[in-house]
Amino acid sequence: MTEVQKYRVLSESPEMQIRLYEPCVLAEITMEGEPNRVGTMAFGPLVGYISKNSIAMTSPVIQKAAITEKGEASGEWLVSFVMPAGADMSDLPIPLDSRVILRELPEHVAAAATWSGSWKYSEVEKRIQLLESAITAAGYSIAGQPQWARYDPPWKPWFARRNEVIIPITKSPGHN
């Protein structure tokens, strides 16, 4: 069994789960390219980092658009592996590949929508729109950019793969 990023479900509806994610460390790489292909392109350097350092593979593999300082999409993508639970920046070896960086992700609350099937960017975009609507309808505010998560290896049958869109949130003022 592959370790899954740690979170606790705070509430649930047919449209989404509200989760409290534990702090973690990400091994991350920035890639240029078409969103359906950058995950595959990033996989080699990220697997190289964990395999050379005997770090266990975890899930999900996370992908999101890189954003400029002005808050605009840069045309690049951030692809991340979640390091095993309890890993600390000081415990992890510095990546030899300068494209791979380690980044701490603090505890945070996020909304998540799950679906089964193949991963296509057009499906991710559709799921982002649906989740953003559900977040607003439930009285939350979006507090960060959407990311999508792939939980299964490429050899798992496409119809059985777990995929998610995850968006950081906060409670909107005036809602309990």
N, C-alpha and C. Protein backbone atom coordinates (compact mmCIF):
# COMPACT_ATOMS: atom_id res chain seq x y z
N MET A 1 0.83 -1.19 0.00
CA MET A 1 0.00 0.00 0.00
C MET A 1 0.88 1.25 0.00
N THR A 2 0.51 2.21 -0.83
CA THR A 2 1.20 3.48 -0.90
C THR A 2 0.60 4.42 0.14
N GLU A 3 1.47 5.10 0.89
CA GLU A 3 1.00 6.06 1.88
C GLU A 3 0.31 7.23 1.17
N VAL A 4 -0.80 7.69 1.72
CA VAL A 4 -1.58 8.79 1.16
C VAL A 4 -1.38 10.03 2.04
N GLN A 5 -1.32 11.20 1.41
CA GLN A 5 -1.19 12.46 2.13
C GLN A 5 -2.23 12.50 3.26
N LYS A 6 -1.80 12.93 4.44
CA LYS A 6 -2.64 12.88 5.64
C LYS A 6 -3.61 14.07 5.71
N TYR A 7 -4.88 13.74 5.94
CA TYR A 7 -5.91 14.75 6.15
C TYR A 7 -7.03 14.15 6.97
N ARG A 8 -7.85 15.04 7.54
CA ARG A 8 -9.03 14.64 8.29
C ARG A 8 -10.25 15.29 7.64
N VAL A 9 -11.30 14.52 7.41
CA VAL A 9 -12.53 15.06 6.82
C VAL A 9 -13.29 15.82 7.90
N LEU A 10 -13.55 17.11 7.65
CA LEU A 10 -14.29 17.95 8.58
C LEU A 10 -15.79 17.92 8.31
N SER A 11 -16.15 17.86 7.03
CA SER A 11 -17.55 17.76 6.64
C SER A 11 -17.61 17.21 5.22
N GLU A 12 -18.81 16.76 4.85
CA GLU A 12 -18.96 16.09 3.56
C GLU A 12 -20.34 16.40 2.99
N SER A 13 -20.38 16.57 1.68
CA SER A 13 -21.64 16.72 0.95
C SER A 13 -21.48 15.92 -0.35
N PRO A 14 -22.54 15.77 -1.12
CA PRO A 14 -22.38 15.04 -2.38
C PRO A 14 -21.37 15.69 -3.33
N GLU A 15 -21.20 17.01 -3.22
CA GLU A 15 -20.32 17.73 -4.14
C GLU A 15 -18.86 17.76 -3.71
N MET A 16 -18.61 17.64 -2.39
CA MET A 16 -17.23 17.84 -1.92
C MET A 16 -17.04 17.36 -0.49
N GLN A 17 -15.76 17.22 -0.13
CA GLN A 17 -15.36 17.05 1.25
C GLN A 17 -14.60 18.30 1.67
N ILE A 18 -14.78 18.72 2.91
CA ILE A 18 -13.96 19.77 3.50
C ILE A 18 -12.94 19.04 4.37
N ARG A 19 -11.67 19.28 4.10
CA ARG A 19 -10.59 18.53 4.76
C ARG A 19 -9.61 19.46 5.45
N LEU A 20 -9.06 18.97 6.55
CA LEU A 20 -7.94 19.62 7.22
C LEU A 20 -6.70 18.80 6.89
N TYR A 21 -5.81 19.38 6.10
CA TYR A 21 -4.58 18.69 5.70
C TYR A 21 -3.48 18.95 6.72
N GLU A 22 -2.76 17.90 7.07
CA GLU A 22 -1.61 18.03 7.96
C GLU A 22 -0.47 18.71 7.22
N PRO A 23 0.43 19.36 7.96
CA PRO A 23 1.60 19.94 7.28
C PRO A 23 2.42 18.82 6.65
N CYS A 24 3.09 19.15 5.56
CA CYS A 24 3.93 18.15 4.88
C CYS A 24 5.01 18.86 4.09
N VAL A 25 5.90 18.07 3.53
CA VAL A 25 6.95 18.57 2.66
C VAL A 25 6.69 18.02 1.27
N LEU A 26 6.86 18.88 0.28
CA LEU A 26 6.71 18.48 -1.12
C LEU A 26 8.07 18.51 -1.80
N ALA A 27 8.31 17.52 -2.66
CA ALA A 27 9.41 17.59 -3.63
C ALA A 27 8.73 18.05 -4.91
N GLU A 28 9.20 19.17 -5.46
CA GLU A 28 8.45 19.84 -6.53
C GLU A 28 9.37 20.23 -7.68
N ILE A 29 8.81 20.20 -8.88
CA ILE A 29 9.54 20.62 -10.07
C ILE A 29 8.61 21.47 -10.92
N THR A 30 9.17 22.47 -11.56
CA THR A 30 8.42 23.33 -12.47
C THR A 30 8.70 22.87 -13.89
N MET A 31 7.63 22.64 -14.65
CA MET A 31 7.77 22.14 -16.02
C MET A 31 6.98 23.03 -16.98
N GLU A 32 7.52 23.20 -18.15
CA GLU A 32 6.82 23.88 -19.23
C GLU A 32 6.21 22.83 -20.13
N GLY A 33 5.03 23.10 -20.63
CA GLY A 33 4.44 22.15 -21.56
C GLY A 33 2.94 22.07 -21.44
N GLU A 34 2.40 21.19 -22.20
CA GLU A 34 0.96 20.95 -22.27
C GLU A 34 0.52 20.25 -20.98
N PRO A 35 -0.58 20.70 -20.34
CA PRO A 35 -0.94 20.18 -19.01
C PRO A 35 -1.18 18.67 -18.96
N ASN A 36 -1.58 18.05 -20.05
CA ASN A 36 -1.78 16.60 -20.04
C ASN A 36 -0.46 15.84 -20.07
N ARG A 37 0.64 16.52 -20.39
CA ARG A 37 1.93 15.83 -20.55
C ARG A 37 2.96 16.16 -19.47
N VAL A 38 2.82 17.31 -18.78
CA VAL A 38 3.87 17.71 -17.85
C VAL A 38 4.02 16.75 -16.66
N GLY A 39 2.95 16.11 -16.25
CA GLY A 39 3.06 15.14 -15.16
C GLY A 39 4.02 14.01 -15.52
N THR A 40 3.91 13.52 -16.75
CA THR A 40 4.80 12.46 -17.23
C THR A 40 6.24 12.98 -17.33
N MET A 41 6.40 14.21 -17.81
CA MET A 41 7.73 14.80 -17.94
C MET A 41 8.40 15.01 -16.58
N ALA A 42 7.61 15.36 -15.58
CA ALA A 42 8.15 15.64 -14.25
C ALA A 42 8.43 14.37 -13.45
N PHE A 43 7.79 13.28 -13.83
CA PHE A 43 7.88 12.05 -13.06
C PHE A 43 9.32 11.56 -12.91
N GLY A 44 10.09 11.58 -13.99
CA GLY A 44 11.47 11.08 -13.96
C GLY A 44 12.34 11.78 -12.92
N PRO A 45 12.44 13.12 -12.95
CA PRO A 45 13.27 13.79 -11.94
C PRO A 45 12.77 13.59 -10.51
N LEU A 46 11.45 13.55 -10.32
CA LEU A 46 10.92 13.36 -8.97
C LEU A 46 11.17 11.93 -8.47
N VAL A 47 10.96 10.94 -9.33
CA VAL A 47 11.25 9.56 -8.95
C VAL A 47 12.75 9.40 -8.71
N GLY A 48 13.57 10.08 -9.51
CA GLY A 48 15.01 10.04 -9.30
C GLY A 48 15.39 10.51 -7.91
N TYR A 49 14.76 11.59 -7.45
CA TYR A 49 15.04 12.11 -6.12
C TYR A 49 14.68 11.10 -5.04
N ILE A 50 13.46 10.56 -5.08
CA ILE A 50 13.06 9.66 -4.00
C ILE A 50 13.80 8.33 -4.07
N SER A 51 14.07 7.81 -5.27
CA SER A 51 14.73 6.50 -5.36
C SER A 51 16.20 6.58 -4.96
N LYS A 52 16.90 7.65 -5.34
CA LYS A 52 18.31 7.80 -4.95
C LYS A 52 18.48 7.97 -3.46
N ASN A 53 17.42 8.43 -2.80
CA ASN A 53 17.50 8.69 -1.36
C ASN A 53 16.66 7.73 -0.53
N SER A 54 16.20 6.64 -1.14
CA SER A 54 15.41 5.61 -0.47
C SER A 54 14.21 6.20 0.28
N ILE A 55 13.51 7.13 -0.37
CA ILE A 55 12.30 7.73 0.18
C ILE A 55 11.11 7.00 -0.43
N ALA A 56 10.17 6.59 0.40
CA ALA A 56 9.02 5.83 -0.08
C ALA A 56 8.14 6.69 -0.98
N MET A 57 7.58 6.06 -2.00
CA MET A 57 6.61 6.72 -2.88
C MET A 57 5.32 6.91 -2.09
N THR A 58 4.71 8.07 -2.23
CA THR A 58 3.43 8.35 -1.60
C THR A 58 2.46 8.83 -2.69
N SER A 59 1.23 9.05 -2.31
CA SER A 59 0.28 9.63 -3.25
C SER A 59 -0.49 10.71 -2.51
N PRO A 60 -1.01 11.65 -3.23
CA PRO A 60 -1.10 11.75 -4.68
C PRO A 60 0.11 12.45 -5.29
N VAL A 61 0.17 12.41 -6.63
CA VAL A 61 1.04 13.31 -7.39
C VAL A 61 0.16 14.54 -7.64
N ILE A 62 0.68 15.70 -7.28
CA ILE A 62 -0.10 16.94 -7.35
C ILE A 62 0.41 17.80 -8.49
N GLN A 63 -0.52 18.42 -9.20
CA GLN A 63 -0.15 19.32 -10.29
C GLN A 63 -1.01 20.57 -10.22
N LYS A 64 -0.37 21.72 -10.44
CA LYS A 64 -1.12 22.98 -10.51
C LYS A 64 -0.36 23.96 -11.39
N ALA A 65 -1.09 24.96 -11.86
CA ALA A 65 -0.48 25.99 -12.70
C ALA A 65 0.47 26.84 -11.85
N ALA A 66 1.62 27.19 -12.43
CA ALA A 66 2.53 28.12 -11.77
C ALA A 66 1.98 29.53 -11.97
N ILE A 67 2.04 30.33 -10.92
CA ILE A 67 1.48 31.67 -10.93
C ILE A 67 2.61 32.69 -10.77
N THR A 68 2.54 33.79 -11.54
CA THR A 68 3.54 34.85 -11.43
C THR A 68 3.27 35.68 -10.18
N GLU A 69 4.20 36.59 -9.86
CA GLU A 69 4.03 37.48 -8.72
C GLU A 69 2.80 38.37 -8.87
N LYS A 70 2.35 38.60 -10.11
CA LYS A 70 1.16 39.41 -10.37
C LYS A 70 -0.12 38.59 -10.28
N GLY A 71 -0.01 37.29 -9.97
CA GLY A 71 -1.17 36.44 -9.82
C GLY A 71 -1.70 35.89 -11.14
N GLU A 72 -0.89 35.92 -12.16
CA GLU A 72 -1.31 35.42 -13.48
C GLU A 72 -0.64 34.08 -13.76
N ALA A 73 -1.30 33.27 -14.59
CA ALA A 73 -0.72 31.98 -14.98
C ALA A 73 0.55 32.24 -15.80
N SER A 74 1.61 31.52 -15.48
CA SER A 74 2.90 31.73 -16.16
C SER A 74 3.07 30.86 -17.40
N GLY A 75 2.18 29.87 -17.57
CA GLY A 75 2.36 28.92 -18.67
C GLY A 75 3.17 27.71 -18.24
N GLU A 76 3.63 27.71 -17.01
CA GLU A 76 4.38 26.57 -16.47
C GLU A 76 3.50 25.85 -15.45
N TRP A 77 3.95 24.66 -15.07
CA TRP A 77 3.19 23.81 -14.15
C TRP A 77 4.10 23.33 -13.03
N LEU A 78 3.56 23.28 -11.82
CA LEU A 78 4.26 22.72 -10.67
C LEU A 78 3.74 21.30 -10.46
N VAL A 79 4.65 20.34 -10.44
CA VAL A 79 4.29 18.95 -10.20
C VAL A 79 5.03 18.53 -8.93
N SER A 80 4.29 17.92 -7.99
CA SER A 80 4.86 17.62 -6.67
C SER A 80 4.59 16.20 -6.23
N PHE A 81 5.56 15.65 -5.52
CA PHE A 81 5.40 14.43 -4.75
C PHE A 81 5.30 14.85 -3.29
N VAL A 82 4.36 14.27 -2.56
CA VAL A 82 4.26 14.49 -1.12
C VAL A 82 5.25 13.55 -0.43
N MET A 83 6.08 14.10 0.43
CA MET A 83 7.03 13.27 1.16
C MET A 83 6.28 12.52 2.27
N PRO A 84 6.83 11.39 2.73
CA PRO A 84 6.15 10.59 3.76
C PRO A 84 5.80 11.42 5.00
N ALA A 85 4.70 11.05 5.65
CA ALA A 85 4.23 11.75 6.85
C ALA A 85 5.35 11.82 7.88
N GLY A 86 5.45 12.96 8.53
CA GLY A 86 6.46 13.15 9.56
C GLY A 86 7.80 13.60 9.04
N ALA A 87 8.00 13.59 7.71
CA ALA A 87 9.27 14.05 7.15
C ALA A 87 9.41 15.55 7.40
N ASP A 88 10.59 15.96 7.74
CA ASP A 88 10.89 17.36 8.01
C ASP A 88 11.95 17.81 7.01
N MET A 89 11.93 19.09 6.67
CA MET A 89 12.91 19.61 5.70
C MET A 89 14.33 19.24 6.12
N SER A 90 14.62 19.28 7.43
CA SER A 90 15.98 18.99 7.90
C SER A 90 16.32 17.51 7.79
N ASP A 91 15.29 16.63 7.67
CA ASP A 91 15.52 15.19 7.55
C ASP A 91 15.81 14.76 6.12
N LEU A 92 15.37 15.57 5.17
CA LEU A 92 15.42 15.15 3.77
C LEU A 92 16.70 15.62 3.09
N PRO A 93 17.29 14.76 2.26
CA PRO A 93 18.50 15.16 1.54
C PRO A 93 18.20 16.26 0.52
N ILE A 94 19.16 17.12 0.29
CA ILE A 94 19.04 18.16 -0.73
C ILE A 94 19.04 17.47 -2.09
N PRO A 95 18.08 17.79 -2.96
CA PRO A 95 18.05 17.16 -4.29
C PRO A 95 19.30 17.49 -5.10
N LEU A 96 19.84 16.49 -5.78
CA LEU A 96 21.00 16.70 -6.64
C LEU A 96 20.59 17.37 -7.96
N ASP A 97 19.38 17.10 -8.41
CA ASP A 97 18.85 17.73 -9.60
C ASP A 97 18.34 19.12 -9.19
N SER A 98 18.97 20.18 -9.69
CA SER A 98 18.63 21.53 -9.26
C SER A 98 17.22 21.95 -9.65
N ARG A 99 16.56 21.21 -10.52
CA ARG A 99 15.17 21.53 -10.88
C ARG A 99 14.19 21.09 -9.80
N VAL A 100 14.60 20.15 -8.96
CA VAL A 100 13.74 19.64 -7.88
C VAL A 100 14.00 20.47 -6.63
N ILE A 101 12.94 21.01 -6.06
CA ILE A 101 13.08 21.77 -4.81
C ILE A 101 12.21 21.11 -3.74
N LEU A 102 12.56 21.35 -2.50
CA LEU A 102 11.73 20.91 -1.37
C LEU A 102 11.00 22.13 -0.84
N ARG A 103 9.72 21.95 -0.53
CA ARG A 103 8.89 23.05 -0.06
C ARG A 103 7.99 22.56 1.06
N GLU A 104 7.93 23.33 2.15
CA GLU A 104 7.02 22.99 3.25
C GLU A 104 5.62 23.51 2.92
N LEU A 105 4.64 22.67 3.18
CA LEU A 105 3.24 23.03 3.00
C LEU A 105 2.61 23.01 4.39
N PRO A 106 2.14 24.17 4.89
CA PRO A 106 1.58 24.19 6.25
C PRO A 106 0.22 23.53 6.30
N GLU A 107 -0.23 23.28 7.52
CA GLU A 107 -1.59 22.79 7.73
C GLU A 107 -2.56 23.76 7.05
N HIS A 108 -3.59 23.20 6.40
CA HIS A 108 -4.55 24.06 5.72
C HIS A 108 -5.87 23.32 5.53
N VAL A 109 -6.93 24.11 5.30
CA VAL A 109 -8.25 23.56 5.02
C VAL A 109 -8.49 23.68 3.53
N ALA A 110 -9.05 22.65 2.94
CA ALA A 110 -9.32 22.65 1.50
C ALA A 110 -10.59 21.86 1.21
N ALA A 111 -11.21 22.21 0.10
CA ALA A 111 -12.35 21.45 -0.43
C ALA A 111 -11.80 20.51 -1.48
N ALA A 112 -12.34 19.29 -1.54
CA ALA A 112 -11.88 18.30 -2.51
C ALA A 112 -13.07 17.62 -3.16
N ALA A 113 -12.96 17.43 -4.45
CA ALA A 113 -13.95 16.68 -5.22
C ALA A 113 -13.24 15.53 -5.91
N THR A 114 -13.78 14.32 -5.76
CA THR A 114 -13.15 13.10 -6.25
C THR A 114 -13.94 12.53 -7.42
N TRP A 115 -13.21 11.95 -8.39
CA TRP A 115 -13.85 11.21 -9.47
C TRP A 115 -12.94 10.08 -9.91
N SER A 116 -13.54 9.10 -10.57
CA SER A 116 -12.79 7.97 -11.11
C SER A 116 -12.68 8.13 -12.62
N GLY A 117 -11.58 7.65 -13.16
CA GLY A 117 -11.42 7.68 -14.61
C GLY A 117 -10.08 8.21 -15.02
N SER A 118 -9.93 8.38 -16.31
CA SER A 118 -8.66 8.86 -16.84
C SER A 118 -8.50 10.34 -16.52
N TRP A 119 -7.26 10.78 -16.50
CA TRP A 119 -6.96 12.16 -16.18
C TRP A 119 -6.75 12.92 -17.48
N LYS A 120 -7.61 13.87 -17.72
CA LYS A 120 -7.51 14.76 -18.87
C LYS A 120 -7.70 16.18 -18.34
N TYR A 121 -6.95 17.12 -18.86
CA TYR A 121 -7.04 18.50 -18.40
C TYR A 121 -8.44 19.07 -18.59
N SER A 122 -9.12 18.71 -19.67
CA SER A 122 -10.48 19.21 -19.89
C SER A 122 -11.41 18.75 -18.76
N GLU A 123 -11.22 17.54 -18.27
CA GLU A 123 -12.02 17.05 -17.14
C GLU A 123 -11.67 17.81 -15.86
N VAL A 124 -10.39 18.09 -15.66
CA VAL A 124 -9.95 18.85 -14.49
C VAL A 124 -10.59 20.23 -14.50
N GLU A 125 -10.57 20.90 -15.64
CA GLU A 125 -11.18 22.24 -15.74
C GLU A 125 -12.66 22.20 -15.38
N LYS A 126 -13.36 21.19 -15.87
CA LYS A 126 -14.79 21.04 -15.56
C LYS A 126 -14.98 20.83 -14.06
N ARG A 127 -14.15 19.98 -13.46
CA ARG A 127 -14.27 19.69 -12.03
C ARG A 127 -13.92 20.91 -11.17
N ILE A 128 -12.97 21.73 -11.63
CA ILE A 128 -12.63 22.96 -10.91
C ILE A 128 -13.84 23.88 -10.87
N GLN A 129 -14.50 24.07 -11.99
CA GLN A 129 -15.68 24.95 -12.04
C GLN A 129 -16.78 24.45 -11.11
N LEU A 130 -17.03 23.14 -11.14
CA LEU A 130 -18.06 22.57 -10.26
C LEU A 130 -17.70 22.76 -8.79
N LEU A 131 -16.45 22.52 -8.45
CA LEU A 131 -16.02 22.65 -7.05
C LEU A 131 -16.06 24.10 -6.60
N GLU A 132 -15.63 25.03 -7.45
CA GLU A 132 -15.69 26.44 -7.08
C GLU A 132 -17.13 26.87 -6.79
N SER A 133 -18.08 26.39 -7.58
CA SER A 133 -19.50 26.71 -7.34
C SER A 133 -19.97 26.12 -6.01
N ALA A 134 -19.59 24.88 -5.73
CA ALA A 134 -19.98 24.23 -4.47
C ALA A 134 -19.37 24.95 -3.27
N ILE A 135 -18.12 25.40 -3.40
CA ILE A 135 -17.45 26.13 -2.31
C ILE A 135 -18.23 27.40 -1.99
N THR A 136 -18.55 28.17 -3.00
CA THR A 136 -19.27 29.42 -2.82
C THR A 136 -20.66 29.17 -2.23
N ALA A 137 -21.37 28.18 -2.76
CA ALA A 137 -22.72 27.86 -2.27
C ALA A 137 -22.71 27.43 -0.81
N ALA A 138 -21.63 26.82 -0.36
CA ALA A 138 -21.53 26.35 1.03
C ALA A 138 -21.03 27.44 1.99
N GLY A 139 -20.79 28.65 1.48
CA GLY A 139 -20.38 29.75 2.35
C GLY A 139 -18.90 29.84 2.62
N TYR A 140 -18.09 29.26 1.74
CA TYR A 140 -16.64 29.35 1.87
C TYR A 140 -16.08 30.30 0.83
N SER A 141 -14.86 30.75 1.06
CA SER A 141 -14.12 31.56 0.09
C SER A 141 -12.91 30.78 -0.38
N ILE A 142 -12.58 30.94 -1.63
CA ILE A 142 -11.39 30.30 -2.19
C ILE A 142 -10.16 31.03 -1.66
N ALA A 143 -9.20 30.27 -1.14
CA ALA A 143 -8.03 30.86 -0.48
C ALA A 143 -6.72 30.47 -1.18
N GLY A 144 -6.81 29.90 -2.34
CA GLY A 144 -5.61 29.49 -3.07
C GLY A 144 -6.00 28.91 -4.40
N GLN A 145 -5.01 28.57 -5.16
CA GLN A 145 -5.29 28.09 -6.51
C GLN A 145 -5.64 26.60 -6.53
N PRO A 146 -6.43 26.19 -7.51
CA PRO A 146 -6.80 24.78 -7.63
C PRO A 146 -5.58 23.92 -7.96
N GLN A 147 -5.63 22.72 -7.46
CA GLN A 147 -4.63 21.72 -7.84
C GLN A 147 -5.36 20.42 -8.09
N TRP A 148 -4.75 19.56 -8.86
CA TRP A 148 -5.37 18.27 -9.05
C TRP A 148 -4.40 17.19 -8.63
N ALA A 149 -5.00 16.10 -8.20
CA ALA A 149 -4.24 15.03 -7.57
C ALA A 149 -4.55 13.71 -8.25
N ARG A 150 -3.49 12.99 -8.55
CA ARG A 150 -3.62 11.64 -9.12
C ARG A 150 -3.07 10.66 -8.11
N TYR A 151 -3.88 9.67 -7.76
CA TYR A 151 -3.53 8.74 -6.68
C TYR A 151 -2.98 7.41 -7.16
N ASP A 152 -3.16 7.08 -8.42
CA ASP A 152 -2.87 5.72 -8.86
C ASP A 152 -1.77 5.69 -9.92
N PRO A 153 -1.07 4.55 -10.00
CA PRO A 153 -0.02 4.40 -11.01
C PRO A 153 -0.62 4.27 -12.41
N PRO A 154 0.17 4.55 -13.44
CA PRO A 154 -0.35 4.52 -14.81
C PRO A 154 -0.81 3.14 -15.26
N TRP A 155 -0.35 2.08 -14.61
CA TRP A 155 -0.76 0.74 -15.05
C TRP A 155 -2.12 0.32 -14.48
N LYS A 156 -2.67 1.10 -13.55
CA LYS A 156 -4.01 0.79 -13.03
C LYS A 156 -5.02 1.10 -14.14
N PRO A 157 -6.03 0.25 -14.34
CA PRO A 157 -7.02 0.52 -15.40
C PRO A 157 -7.60 1.93 -15.26
N TRP A 158 -7.71 2.63 -16.37
CA TRP A 158 -8.12 4.05 -16.36
C TRP A 158 -9.44 4.28 -15.62
N PHE A 159 -10.39 3.35 -15.75
CA PHE A 159 -11.71 3.54 -15.14
C PHE A 159 -11.69 3.40 -13.62
N ALA A 160 -10.60 2.87 -13.05
CA ALA A 160 -10.50 2.66 -11.61
C ALA A 160 -9.57 3.66 -10.92
N ARG A 161 -9.03 4.62 -11.69
CA ARG A 161 -8.09 5.59 -11.10
C ARG A 161 -8.81 6.66 -10.30
N ARG A 162 -8.24 6.99 -9.14
CA ARG A 162 -8.79 8.04 -8.27
C ARG A 162 -8.12 9.37 -8.62
N ASN A 163 -8.93 10.37 -8.89
CA ASN A 163 -8.48 11.72 -9.21
C ASN A 163 -9.24 12.71 -8.33
N GLU A 164 -8.61 13.83 -8.02
CA GLU A 164 -9.28 14.85 -7.23
C GLU A 164 -8.87 16.24 -7.70
N VAL A 165 -9.78 17.17 -7.51
CA VAL A 165 -9.47 18.59 -7.57
C VAL A 165 -9.55 19.07 -6.13
N ILE A 166 -8.54 19.83 -5.71
CA ILE A 166 -8.44 20.31 -4.34
C ILE A 166 -8.21 21.81 -4.37
N ILE A 167 -9.01 22.55 -3.60
CA ILE A 167 -8.89 24.01 -3.57
C ILE A 167 -8.85 24.48 -2.12
N PRO A 168 -7.79 25.21 -1.72
CA PRO A 168 -7.74 25.76 -0.36
C PRO A 168 -8.89 26.74 -0.14
N ILE A 169 -9.45 26.73 1.08
CA ILE A 169 -10.62 27.56 1.38
C ILE A 169 -10.50 28.19 2.76
N THR A 170 -11.35 29.20 2.98
CA THR A 170 -11.60 29.77 4.30
C THR A 170 -13.11 29.98 4.40
N LYS A 171 -13.60 30.13 5.61
CA LYS A 171 -15.02 30.40 5.81
C LYS A 171 -15.29 31.84 5.44
N SER A 172 -16.34 32.07 4.66
CA SER A 172 -16.72 33.45 4.28
C SER A 172 -17.25 34.18 5.50
N PRO A 173 -16.99 35.49 5.60
CA PRO A 173 -17.54 36.27 6.73
C PRO A 173 -19.06 36.17 6.75
N GLY A 174 -19.61 36.05 7.94
CA GLY A 174 -21.06 35.98 8.09
C GLY A 174 -21.62 34.58 8.00
N HIS A 175 -20.78 33.56 7.75
CA HIS A 175 -21.23 32.16 7.71
C HIS A 175 -20.63 31.42 8.89
N ASN A 176 -21.41 30.50 9.45
CA ASN A 176 -20.92 29.72 10.60
C ASN A 176 -20.29 28.44 10.17
